[in-house]
């Protein structure tokens, strides 16, 4: 299928699909005319990419994960690859750290906006106070 059909079937723009190719996440065949030719497996791959992006992973991490994932319905019985679980746990820890930093930043903004003298607080507050 061509890029327009893959875009329609996945709800992803052709521009995003080209970006996924640049990042090594998709590897469509090329026709002699230069057109990209996607396979049925690319539909599942795009859904996987979108899921992992929504989970907060970057394209480099997704490029590590994606090749090791079996297609839907082809998972063998037993635990998921330990390396995958370790990588996902690391990403979860990273996201939790970011959430903590954002929560602290929001609390500081609340203190500043609720202060009767915001400029004084801005000049005297120390991060983490």
N, C-alpha and C. Protein backbone atom coordinates (compact mmCIF):
# COMPACT_ATOMS: atom_id res chain seq x y z
N UNK A 1 0.85 -1.18 0.00
CA UNK A 1 0.00 0.00 0.00
C UNK A 1 0.89 1.23 0.00
N UNK A 2 0.38 2.30 -0.53
CA UNK A 2 1.14 3.54 -0.60
C UNK A 2 0.93 4.35 0.67
N UNK A 3 1.67 5.42 0.81
CA UNK A 3 1.70 6.20 2.04
C UNK A 3 0.32 6.77 2.40
N UNK A 4 -0.44 7.20 1.40
CA UNK A 4 -1.76 7.76 1.67
C UNK A 4 -2.70 6.74 2.29
N UNK A 5 -2.65 5.51 1.80
CA UNK A 5 -3.51 4.46 2.37
C UNK A 5 -3.08 4.12 3.80
N UNK A 6 -1.78 4.01 4.02
CA UNK A 6 -1.31 3.74 5.39
C UNK A 6 -1.73 4.88 6.32
N UNK A 7 -1.63 6.10 5.84
CA UNK A 7 -2.05 7.24 6.65
C UNK A 7 -3.53 7.14 7.00
N UNK A 8 -4.37 6.81 6.02
CA UNK A 8 -5.81 6.68 6.28
C UNK A 8 -6.10 5.55 7.25
N UNK A 9 -5.42 4.43 7.09
CA UNK A 9 -5.70 3.26 7.93
C UNK A 9 -5.22 3.43 9.37
N UNK A 10 -4.24 4.29 9.56
CA UNK A 10 -3.67 4.44 10.91
C UNK A 10 -4.03 5.76 11.57
N UNK A 11 -4.54 6.71 10.80
CA UNK A 11 -4.86 8.03 11.36
C UNK A 11 -3.62 8.89 11.58
N UNK A 12 -2.54 8.55 10.92
CA UNK A 12 -1.27 9.26 11.06
C UNK A 12 -1.01 10.01 9.74
N UNK A 13 -0.47 11.19 9.83
CA UNK A 13 -0.21 11.97 8.62
C UNK A 13 0.93 11.36 7.80
N UNK A 14 0.92 11.57 6.50
CA UNK A 14 2.06 11.13 5.68
C UNK A 14 3.38 11.73 6.17
N UNK A 15 3.33 12.96 6.62
CA UNK A 15 4.55 13.58 7.15
C UNK A 15 5.10 12.80 8.34
N UNK A 16 4.21 12.37 9.25
CA UNK A 16 4.66 11.58 10.40
C UNK A 16 5.23 10.25 9.93
N UNK A 17 4.62 9.64 8.94
CA UNK A 17 5.12 8.36 8.43
C UNK A 17 6.51 8.53 7.82
N UNK A 18 6.74 9.63 7.13
CA UNK A 18 8.08 9.90 6.59
C UNK A 18 9.08 10.09 7.73
N UNK A 19 8.65 10.78 8.78
CA UNK A 19 9.52 10.97 9.95
C UNK A 19 9.87 9.62 10.58
N UNK A 20 8.87 8.74 10.71
CA UNK A 20 9.14 7.41 11.28
C UNK A 20 10.17 6.67 10.43
N UNK A 21 10.09 6.84 9.12
CA UNK A 21 11.07 6.21 8.25
C UNK A 21 12.45 6.81 8.48
N UNK A 22 12.54 8.15 8.58
CA UNK A 22 13.83 8.81 8.84
C UNK A 22 14.46 8.32 10.14
N UNK A 23 13.62 8.02 11.12
CA UNK A 23 14.11 7.57 12.42
C UNK A 23 14.39 6.07 12.45
N UNK A 24 14.14 5.38 11.36
CA UNK A 24 14.39 3.94 11.29
C UNK A 24 13.29 3.11 11.91
N UNK A 25 12.13 3.70 12.14
CA UNK A 25 11.03 2.97 12.76
C UNK A 25 10.21 2.20 11.72
N UNK A 26 10.18 2.67 10.51
CA UNK A 26 9.52 1.99 9.39
C UNK A 26 10.53 1.86 8.26
N UNK A 27 10.45 0.76 7.54
CA UNK A 27 11.35 0.57 6.39
C UNK A 27 10.53 0.08 5.19
N UNK A 28 9.81 1.00 4.56
CA UNK A 28 9.01 0.59 3.40
C UNK A 28 9.91 0.22 2.22
N UNK A 29 9.37 -0.63 1.37
CA UNK A 29 10.06 -0.94 0.12
C UNK A 29 9.94 0.30 -0.77
N UNK A 30 10.83 0.40 -1.73
CA UNK A 30 10.76 1.50 -2.70
C UNK A 30 10.52 0.91 -4.08
N UNK A 31 9.53 1.46 -4.75
CA UNK A 31 9.28 1.08 -6.14
C UNK A 31 10.30 1.77 -7.03
N UNK A 32 10.47 1.29 -8.24
CA UNK A 32 11.40 1.96 -9.17
C UNK A 32 11.05 3.44 -9.36
N UNK A 33 9.76 3.76 -9.21
CA UNK A 33 9.33 5.16 -9.36
C UNK A 33 9.71 6.01 -8.15
N UNK A 34 10.18 5.36 -7.07
CA UNK A 34 10.53 6.08 -5.86
C UNK A 34 9.43 6.09 -4.82
N UNK A 35 8.23 5.65 -5.20
CA UNK A 35 7.13 5.61 -4.24
C UNK A 35 7.41 4.59 -3.14
N UNK A 36 6.98 4.91 -1.95
CA UNK A 36 7.10 3.98 -0.84
C UNK A 36 5.99 2.94 -0.97
N UNK A 37 6.33 1.71 -0.64
CA UNK A 37 5.35 0.63 -0.64
C UNK A 37 5.37 -0.02 0.75
N UNK A 38 4.26 0.13 1.46
CA UNK A 38 4.15 -0.39 2.82
C UNK A 38 3.46 -1.74 2.81
N UNK A 39 3.82 -2.58 3.76
CA UNK A 39 3.21 -3.90 3.91
C UNK A 39 2.13 -3.84 4.99
N UNK A 40 1.36 -4.88 5.07
CA UNK A 40 0.30 -4.97 6.08
C UNK A 40 0.89 -4.87 7.49
N UNK A 41 2.07 -5.43 7.70
CA UNK A 41 2.69 -5.38 9.03
C UNK A 41 2.98 -3.95 9.48
N UNK A 42 3.11 -3.03 8.51
CA UNK A 42 3.39 -1.63 8.85
C UNK A 42 2.20 -0.97 9.55
N UNK A 43 1.00 -1.45 9.30
CA UNK A 43 -0.17 -0.92 10.01
C UNK A 43 0.00 -1.18 11.51
N UNK A 44 0.34 -2.41 11.85
CA UNK A 44 0.57 -2.75 13.26
C UNK A 44 1.77 -2.00 13.82
N UNK A 45 2.81 -1.86 13.02
CA UNK A 45 4.00 -1.14 13.48
C UNK A 45 3.66 0.31 13.81
N UNK A 46 2.87 0.96 12.97
CA UNK A 46 2.50 2.36 13.22
C UNK A 46 1.67 2.45 14.51
N UNK A 47 0.76 1.52 14.70
CA UNK A 47 -0.02 1.54 15.95
C UNK A 47 0.90 1.36 17.16
N UNK A 48 1.89 0.48 17.03
CA UNK A 48 2.86 0.29 18.11
C UNK A 48 3.68 1.54 18.37
N UNK A 49 4.11 2.19 17.30
CA UNK A 49 4.88 3.43 17.43
C UNK A 49 4.05 4.48 18.15
N UNK A 50 2.80 4.65 17.74
CA UNK A 50 1.92 5.65 18.35
C UNK A 50 1.69 5.34 19.83
N UNK A 51 1.52 4.07 20.15
CA UNK A 51 1.31 3.68 21.55
C UNK A 51 2.53 4.02 22.39
N UNK A 52 3.71 3.69 21.89
CA UNK A 52 4.93 3.95 22.65
C UNK A 52 5.24 5.44 22.74
N UNK A 53 4.94 6.20 21.68
CA UNK A 53 5.09 7.65 21.77
C UNK A 53 4.15 8.23 22.81
N UNK A 54 2.90 7.76 22.82
CA UNK A 54 1.93 8.24 23.81
C UNK A 54 2.34 7.86 25.23
N UNK A 55 3.11 6.79 25.37
CA UNK A 55 3.60 6.37 26.68
C UNK A 55 4.82 7.17 27.11
N UNK A 56 5.27 8.10 26.26
CA UNK A 56 6.36 8.98 26.63
C UNK A 56 7.73 8.56 26.15
N UNK A 57 7.82 7.52 25.32
CA UNK A 57 9.11 7.08 24.83
C UNK A 57 9.51 7.91 23.61
N UNK A 58 10.80 8.08 23.42
CA UNK A 58 11.28 8.81 22.24
C UNK A 58 11.54 7.84 21.10
N UNK A 59 11.77 8.38 19.93
CA UNK A 59 11.91 7.53 18.74
C UNK A 59 13.14 6.62 18.82
N UNK A 60 14.21 7.07 19.45
CA UNK A 60 15.41 6.22 19.57
C UNK A 60 15.11 4.99 20.43
N UNK A 61 14.38 5.19 21.51
CA UNK A 61 14.02 4.07 22.37
C UNK A 61 13.06 3.14 21.65
N UNK A 62 12.11 3.72 20.93
CA UNK A 62 11.16 2.90 20.18
C UNK A 62 11.89 2.07 19.12
N UNK A 63 12.90 2.64 18.51
CA UNK A 63 13.68 1.90 17.51
C UNK A 63 14.35 0.67 18.13
N UNK A 64 14.69 0.74 19.41
CA UNK A 64 15.27 -0.41 20.10
C UNK A 64 14.22 -1.47 20.40
N UNK A 65 13.02 -1.03 20.76
CA UNK A 65 11.96 -1.93 21.21
C UNK A 65 11.25 -2.62 20.05
N UNK A 66 10.91 -1.86 19.04
CA UNK A 66 10.01 -2.33 17.98
C UNK A 66 10.46 -3.62 17.30
N UNK A 67 11.74 -3.77 16.93
CA UNK A 67 12.12 -5.00 16.22
C UNK A 67 11.90 -6.28 17.03
N UNK A 68 11.94 -6.18 18.33
CA UNK A 68 11.78 -7.37 19.17
C UNK A 68 10.35 -7.74 19.51
N UNK A 69 9.41 -6.89 19.12
CA UNK A 69 8.01 -7.17 19.43
C UNK A 69 7.41 -8.11 18.40
N UNK A 70 6.76 -9.19 18.86
CA UNK A 70 6.09 -10.07 17.89
C UNK A 70 4.83 -9.40 17.36
N UNK A 71 4.40 -9.77 16.18
CA UNK A 71 3.15 -9.20 15.65
C UNK A 71 1.98 -9.57 16.55
N UNK A 72 0.90 -8.78 16.52
CA UNK A 72 -0.28 -9.12 17.33
C UNK A 72 -0.74 -10.55 17.04
N UNK A 73 -1.06 -11.26 18.12
CA UNK A 73 -1.54 -12.63 18.00
C UNK A 73 -0.45 -13.67 17.83
N UNK A 74 0.81 -13.25 17.83
CA UNK A 74 1.91 -14.18 17.63
C UNK A 74 2.83 -14.28 18.85
N UNK A 75 2.38 -13.77 19.96
CA UNK A 75 3.20 -13.82 21.17
C UNK A 75 3.26 -15.25 21.69
N UNK A 76 4.45 -15.70 21.97
CA UNK A 76 4.62 -17.03 22.53
C UNK A 76 4.25 -17.02 24.01
N UNK A 77 3.78 -18.14 24.54
CA UNK A 77 3.47 -18.19 25.98
C UNK A 77 4.73 -17.91 26.80
N UNK A 78 4.53 -17.36 27.97
CA UNK A 78 5.66 -17.08 28.84
C UNK A 78 5.82 -15.60 29.06
N UNK A 79 6.80 -15.23 29.89
CA UNK A 79 6.99 -13.82 30.20
C UNK A 79 7.50 -13.03 29.00
N UNK A 80 7.21 -11.74 29.03
CA UNK A 80 7.72 -10.83 28.01
C UNK A 80 9.22 -10.72 28.18
N UNK A 81 9.91 -10.39 27.11
CA UNK A 81 11.36 -10.24 27.11
C UNK A 81 11.82 -9.40 28.30
N UNK A 82 12.72 -9.92 29.15
CA UNK A 82 13.18 -9.17 30.32
C UNK A 82 13.83 -7.83 29.96
N UNK A 83 14.55 -7.78 28.84
CA UNK A 83 15.18 -6.53 28.44
C UNK A 83 14.14 -5.46 28.14
N UNK A 84 13.03 -5.87 27.53
CA UNK A 84 11.95 -4.94 27.24
C UNK A 84 11.34 -4.41 28.53
N UNK A 85 11.09 -5.31 29.48
CA UNK A 85 10.51 -4.88 30.74
C UNK A 85 11.45 -3.94 31.50
N UNK A 86 12.74 -4.21 31.45
CA UNK A 86 13.73 -3.34 32.09
C UNK A 86 13.73 -1.97 31.44
N UNK A 87 13.71 -1.94 30.13
CA UNK A 87 13.70 -0.67 29.40
C UNK A 87 12.44 0.13 29.72
N UNK A 88 11.30 -0.54 29.73
CA UNK A 88 10.04 0.15 30.05
C UNK A 88 10.03 0.65 31.49
N UNK A 89 10.59 -0.13 32.41
CA UNK A 89 10.66 0.31 33.81
C UNK A 89 11.54 1.54 33.93
N UNK A 90 12.65 1.58 33.18
CA UNK A 90 13.53 2.75 33.18
C UNK A 90 12.79 3.97 32.65
N UNK A 91 12.04 3.80 31.58
CA UNK A 91 11.28 4.91 31.02
C UNK A 91 10.22 5.39 32.01
N UNK A 92 9.60 4.47 32.72
CA UNK A 92 8.60 4.86 33.72
C UNK A 92 9.24 5.68 34.83
N UNK A 93 10.42 5.28 35.28
CA UNK A 93 11.15 6.03 36.31
C UNK A 93 11.48 7.43 35.81
N UNK A 94 11.93 7.53 34.56
CA UNK A 94 12.26 8.83 33.97
C UNK A 94 11.02 9.74 33.94
N UNK A 95 9.90 9.19 33.53
CA UNK A 95 8.66 9.98 33.46
C UNK A 95 8.21 10.39 34.86
N UNK A 96 8.33 9.50 35.83
CA UNK A 96 7.97 9.82 37.21
C UNK A 96 8.82 10.98 37.72
N UNK A 97 10.11 10.97 37.40
CA UNK A 97 11.01 12.06 37.79
C UNK A 97 10.56 13.37 37.16
N UNK A 98 10.19 13.34 35.89
CA UNK A 98 9.71 14.54 35.21
C UNK A 98 8.42 15.06 35.86
N UNK A 99 7.53 14.15 36.22
CA UNK A 99 6.29 14.54 36.88
C UNK A 99 6.60 15.22 38.21
N UNK A 100 7.54 14.66 38.96
CA UNK A 100 7.92 15.25 40.25
C UNK A 100 8.48 16.67 40.05
N UNK A 101 9.32 16.85 39.03
CA UNK A 101 9.88 18.17 38.76
C UNK A 101 8.79 19.16 38.36
N UNK A 102 7.85 18.72 37.55
CA UNK A 102 6.75 19.59 37.13
C UNK A 102 5.84 19.93 38.30
N UNK A 103 5.61 18.99 39.19
CA UNK A 103 4.79 19.24 40.37
C UNK A 103 5.44 20.29 41.26
N UNK A 104 6.76 20.19 41.41
CA UNK A 104 7.50 21.17 42.20
C UNK A 104 7.42 22.55 41.53
N UNK A 105 7.58 22.59 40.23
CA UNK A 105 7.50 23.86 39.50
C UNK A 105 6.10 24.48 39.64
N UNK A 106 5.07 23.67 39.56
CA UNK A 106 3.71 24.18 39.70
C UNK A 106 3.48 24.73 41.11
N UNK A 107 3.99 24.03 42.11
CA UNK A 107 3.84 24.52 43.49
C UNK A 107 4.53 25.86 43.67
N UNK A 108 5.70 26.02 43.07
CA UNK A 108 6.40 27.30 43.17
C UNK A 108 5.61 28.40 42.46
N UNK A 109 5.07 28.11 41.30
CA UNK A 109 4.25 29.09 40.60
C UNK A 109 3.01 29.46 41.42
N UNK A 110 2.42 28.48 42.07
CA UNK A 110 1.27 28.76 42.95
C UNK A 110 1.67 29.71 44.08
N UNK A 111 2.83 29.44 44.69
CA UNK A 111 3.30 30.32 45.77
C UNK A 111 3.52 31.74 45.26
N UNK A 112 4.10 31.87 44.08
CA UNK A 112 4.37 33.19 43.52
C UNK A 112 3.07 33.92 43.21
N UNK A 113 2.15 33.24 42.55
CA UNK A 113 0.90 33.91 42.16
C UNK A 113 0.00 34.20 43.35
N UNK A 114 0.13 33.42 44.43
CA UNK A 114 -0.68 33.66 45.63
C UNK A 114 -0.04 34.65 46.60
N UNK A 115 1.18 35.03 46.33
CA UNK A 115 1.92 35.91 47.23
C UNK A 115 1.43 37.36 47.10
N UNK A 116 1.36 38.08 48.23
CA UNK A 116 1.00 39.49 48.16
C UNK A 116 2.10 40.33 47.50
N UNK A 117 3.33 39.80 47.49
CA UNK A 117 4.46 40.51 46.85
C UNK A 117 5.22 39.52 45.97
N UNK A 118 4.66 39.18 44.79
CA UNK A 118 5.29 38.17 43.95
C UNK A 118 6.73 38.48 43.57
N UNK A 119 7.04 39.74 43.28
CA UNK A 119 8.40 40.06 42.86
C UNK A 119 9.41 39.81 43.99
N UNK A 120 8.99 40.07 45.24
CA UNK A 120 9.90 39.78 46.37
C UNK A 120 10.16 38.29 46.48
N UNK A 121 9.10 37.49 46.31
CA UNK A 121 9.26 36.03 46.41
C UNK A 121 10.14 35.51 45.28
N UNK A 122 9.97 36.07 44.10
CA UNK A 122 10.78 35.64 42.95
C UNK A 122 12.26 35.89 43.23
N UNK A 123 12.56 37.04 43.84
CA UNK A 123 13.97 37.38 44.10
C UNK A 123 14.56 36.62 45.28
N UNK A 124 13.72 36.18 46.21
CA UNK A 124 14.27 35.58 47.44
C UNK A 124 14.05 34.06 47.54
N UNK A 125 13.11 33.53 46.80
CA UNK A 125 12.84 32.07 46.89
C UNK A 125 13.99 31.29 46.29
N UNK A 126 14.20 30.12 46.81
CA UNK A 126 15.20 29.20 46.28
C UNK A 126 14.47 27.97 45.79
N UNK A 127 14.85 27.45 44.62
CA UNK A 127 14.19 26.23 44.15
C UNK A 127 14.25 25.16 45.21
N UNK A 128 13.13 24.49 45.40
CA UNK A 128 13.05 23.44 46.40
C UNK A 128 12.56 23.92 47.75
N UNK A 129 12.45 25.26 47.92
CA UNK A 129 11.94 25.78 49.20
C UNK A 129 10.48 25.41 49.37
